[in-house]
N, C-alpha and C. Protein backbone atom coordinates (compact mmCIF):
# COMPACT_ATOMS: atom_id res chain seq x y z
N UNK A 1 20.75 102.23 92.63
CA UNK A 1 20.20 103.10 94.27
C UNK A 1 20.76 102.33 95.19
N UNK A 2 21.34 103.27 95.99
CA UNK A 2 21.84 102.20 97.25
C UNK A 2 21.07 103.21 98.20
N UNK A 3 20.43 102.60 99.52
CA UNK A 3 19.63 103.18 100.80
C UNK A 3 20.51 102.77 101.97
N UNK A 4 21.03 103.96 102.95
CA UNK A 4 21.94 103.50 104.04
C UNK A 4 20.26 103.35 105.59
N UNK A 5 20.72 101.96 105.88
CA UNK A 5 19.77 102.48 106.82
C UNK A 5 20.51 102.01 108.16
N UNK A 6 19.41 102.42 109.34
CA UNK A 6 18.38 103.10 109.52
C UNK A 6 18.94 104.78 108.75
N UNK A 7 17.90 105.30 108.57
CA UNK A 7 18.18 106.54 107.59
C UNK A 7 18.37 107.47 109.16
N UNK A 8 19.76 107.97 109.41
CA UNK A 8 19.77 108.79 110.42
C UNK A 8 19.14 110.04 110.57
N UNK A 9 18.66 110.87 109.51
CA UNK A 9 17.40 112.17 110.08
C UNK A 9 16.00 111.38 110.28
N UNK A 10 16.05 110.15 110.00
CA UNK A 10 14.30 110.08 109.95
C UNK A 10 13.45 110.39 108.56
N UNK A 11 12.47 110.28 108.58
CA UNK A 11 11.65 110.67 107.13
C UNK A 11 11.04 112.16 107.47
N UNK A 12 10.96 112.80 106.39
CA UNK A 12 10.81 114.31 106.23
C UNK A 12 9.39 114.15 105.51
N UNK A 13 7.97 114.82 105.75
CA UNK A 13 6.63 114.94 105.49
C UNK A 13 6.84 116.55 104.82
N UNK A 14 6.06 116.40 103.65
CA UNK A 14 5.68 117.24 102.95
C UNK A 14 4.38 117.91 102.89
N UNK A 15 3.66 118.75 102.81
CA UNK A 15 2.40 118.68 102.20
C UNK A 15 1.85 118.91 100.62
N UNK A 16 1.01 118.85 100.28
CA UNK A 16 0.91 118.72 98.43
C UNK A 16 1.11 120.06 97.79
N UNK A 17 1.17 120.15 97.26
CA UNK A 17 1.47 121.30 96.06
C UNK A 17 0.34 121.02 95.39
N UNK A 18 0.26 119.83 94.74
CA UNK A 18 -0.57 120.07 93.61
C UNK A 18 -1.92 119.35 93.86
N UNK A 19 -3.18 119.34 92.45
CA UNK A 19 -4.11 117.68 93.25
C UNK A 19 -4.10 117.35 91.96
N UNK A 20 -4.97 116.44 91.93
CA UNK A 20 -5.50 115.29 90.87
C UNK A 20 -4.18 114.64 90.63
N UNK A 21 -4.28 113.67 89.72
CA UNK A 21 -3.56 112.52 89.11
C UNK A 21 -2.02 112.58 88.58
N UNK A 22 -1.89 114.23 88.82
CA UNK A 22 -0.09 114.13 88.08
C UNK A 22 -0.15 113.97 86.66
N UNK A 23 1.19 113.87 86.57
CA UNK A 23 1.98 113.36 85.29
C UNK A 23 1.64 112.04 84.88
N UNK A 24 1.57 111.64 84.03
CA UNK A 24 1.38 110.12 83.29
C UNK A 24 2.64 109.47 83.45
N UNK A 25 2.77 108.33 84.36
CA UNK A 25 3.72 107.37 84.51
C UNK A 25 3.83 106.36 83.41
N UNK A 26 4.81 106.25 83.16
CA UNK A 26 5.63 104.49 83.06
C UNK A 26 5.13 103.59 83.63
N UNK A 27 5.02 102.34 83.70
CA UNK A 27 4.75 101.02 84.04
C UNK A 27 6.33 100.45 85.12
N UNK A 28 6.03 100.41 86.43
CA UNK A 28 7.17 100.09 87.12
C UNK A 28 5.97 99.46 89.01
N UNK A 29 6.72 98.90 89.30
CA UNK A 29 6.19 98.33 90.72
C UNK A 29 6.35 99.05 92.26
N UNK A 30 5.37 99.14 92.54
CA UNK A 30 4.64 99.62 93.53
C UNK A 30 5.68 98.57 94.54
N UNK A 31 6.20 99.62 95.62
CA UNK A 31 6.56 98.28 96.56
C UNK A 31 5.54 98.17 97.40
N UNK A 32 5.44 96.97 98.23
CA UNK A 32 4.84 96.85 99.83
C UNK A 32 5.17 97.75 100.63
N UNK A 33 3.93 98.09 101.59
CA UNK A 33 4.17 98.71 102.20
C UNK A 33 3.11 98.96 103.56
N UNK A 34 3.09 99.15 104.91
CA UNK A 34 2.11 99.07 105.77
C UNK A 34 1.47 100.88 105.42
N UNK A 35 -0.16 100.82 105.95
CA UNK A 35 -0.49 102.17 105.32
C UNK A 35 -1.11 102.17 107.46
N UNK A 36 -0.59 102.77 107.41
CA UNK A 36 -1.34 103.69 108.90
C UNK A 36 -1.74 104.71 109.25
N UNK A 37 -3.14 103.65 109.77
CA UNK A 37 -4.54 104.95 110.06
C UNK A 37 -4.51 105.35 111.36
N UNK A 38 -4.18 106.68 111.49
CA UNK A 38 -4.40 107.47 113.00
C UNK A 38 -5.33 108.43 113.34
N UNK A 39 -5.43 108.07 114.71
CA UNK A 39 -6.83 108.88 114.96
C UNK A 39 -6.65 110.85 115.26
N UNK A 40 -7.17 111.46 116.16
CA UNK A 40 -6.98 113.31 115.48
C UNK A 40 -6.32 113.82 116.39
N UNK A 41 -5.39 112.45 117.40
CA UNK A 41 -4.59 112.93 118.21
C UNK A 41 -2.72 112.56 117.55
N UNK A 42 -3.16 112.01 116.37
CA UNK A 42 -1.64 111.55 115.78
C UNK A 42 -1.11 110.19 115.79
N UNK A 43 -1.78 108.96 117.06
CA UNK A 43 -1.88 107.88 117.20
C UNK A 43 -2.32 106.76 116.22
N UNK A 44 -1.31 106.39 115.90
CA UNK A 44 -1.40 104.74 115.12
C UNK A 44 -2.51 103.91 115.88
N UNK A 45 -3.92 103.91 114.93
CA UNK A 45 -4.82 102.97 115.77
C UNK A 45 -4.82 101.93 114.82
N UNK A 46 -4.30 101.47 113.62
CA UNK A 46 -4.22 100.81 112.97
C UNK A 46 -3.39 100.75 111.49
N UNK A 47 -2.95 99.53 111.40
CA UNK A 47 -2.12 99.73 109.86
C UNK A 47 -2.66 98.23 109.47
N UNK A 48 -2.71 98.22 108.32
CA UNK A 48 -2.75 97.26 107.00
C UNK A 48 -1.54 96.74 106.08
N UNK A 49 -1.05 95.81 106.08
CA UNK A 49 -0.41 95.78 104.35
C UNK A 49 -0.63 95.61 103.31
N UNK A 50 -0.01 97.02 102.01
CA UNK A 50 -0.61 96.69 101.07
C UNK A 50 0.36 96.11 100.38
N UNK A 51 -0.03 95.05 99.74
CA UNK A 51 0.85 94.56 98.48
C UNK A 51 1.56 95.20 97.77
N UNK A 52 2.73 94.28 97.25
CA UNK A 52 2.96 95.24 95.83
C UNK A 52 2.53 94.97 94.75
N UNK A 53 2.22 95.54 93.75
CA UNK A 53 1.67 96.21 92.76
C UNK A 53 2.49 96.40 91.29
N UNK A 54 1.90 96.27 90.37
CA UNK A 54 2.26 97.11 89.10
C UNK A 54 1.45 98.06 88.69
N UNK A 55 1.96 99.51 88.33
CA UNK A 55 1.01 100.70 88.43
C UNK A 55 1.48 101.31 87.05
N UNK A 56 1.19 101.99 86.85
CA UNK A 56 1.65 102.80 85.73
C UNK A 56 0.67 102.40 84.21
N UNK A 57 1.27 103.62 82.81
CA UNK A 57 0.55 102.90 81.94
C UNK A 57 2.46 102.33 81.07
N UNK A 58 1.59 101.29 80.45
CA UNK A 58 3.04 100.76 79.65
C UNK A 58 3.44 101.05 78.23
N UNK A 59 2.74 102.16 77.79
CA UNK A 59 2.67 103.52 76.22
C UNK A 59 3.55 103.98 76.87
N UNK A 60 4.14 104.10 78.01
CA UNK A 60 5.00 105.12 78.30
C UNK A 60 6.50 104.89 78.88
N UNK A 61 6.41 103.39 78.32
CA UNK A 61 7.94 102.74 79.09
C UNK A 61 7.91 102.41 80.26
N UNK A 62 8.63 101.12 80.73
CA UNK A 62 8.78 100.41 81.28
C UNK A 62 9.81 100.70 82.44
N UNK A 63 10.12 100.92 83.69
CA UNK A 63 11.08 101.24 84.21
C UNK A 63 11.31 100.07 85.25
N UNK A 64 12.46 100.17 85.74
CA UNK A 64 13.37 98.82 86.50
C UNK A 64 13.75 99.38 87.41
N UNK A 65 13.77 99.53 88.96
CA UNK A 65 14.92 100.05 89.84
C UNK A 65 15.68 98.71 90.40
N UNK A 66 16.55 98.53 91.00
CA UNK A 66 17.41 97.51 91.62
C UNK A 66 17.63 98.42 93.19
N UNK A 67 17.84 98.15 94.38
CA UNK A 67 17.58 98.66 95.69
C UNK A 67 19.08 98.40 95.88
N UNK A 68 19.98 98.95 96.56
CA UNK A 68 21.24 97.78 97.48
C UNK A 68 21.08 98.51 98.82
N UNK A 69 20.23 97.67 99.95
CA UNK A 69 20.33 97.97 101.12
C UNK A 69 21.23 97.72 101.81
N UNK A 70 22.25 98.91 102.78
CA UNK A 70 22.97 98.41 103.25
C UNK A 70 23.23 99.03 104.91
N UNK A 71 23.44 97.76 105.89
CA UNK A 71 23.35 98.20 106.96
C UNK A 71 24.38 98.92 107.97
N UNK A 72 23.78 99.72 108.44
CA UNK A 72 24.56 101.03 109.28
C UNK A 72 26.06 99.96 109.88
N UNK A 73 26.98 101.15 109.88
CA UNK A 73 27.88 100.65 110.57
C UNK A 73 27.92 100.44 111.96
N UNK A 74 27.94 99.31 112.73
CA UNK A 74 28.30 99.54 114.01
C UNK A 74 27.08 99.01 114.35
N UNK A 75 26.13 98.45 113.70
CA UNK A 75 24.99 97.72 114.23
C UNK A 75 24.80 96.18 113.84
């Protein structure tokens, strides 16, 4: 999988269509990421780092993804 950085169109957000836990997932690593807390006006008030961790059920198999990050041209 290749991801071009920075993303030219930003990030799209969608409302959830389903509730619950979804379908069972195979075992995989969830990347570390920032969790942002916002006030009622949408301003980020605090952020914490969520560490990478292994999630999913090994009985459904194991998934490995390799990422190739490319710097945008001209930067």
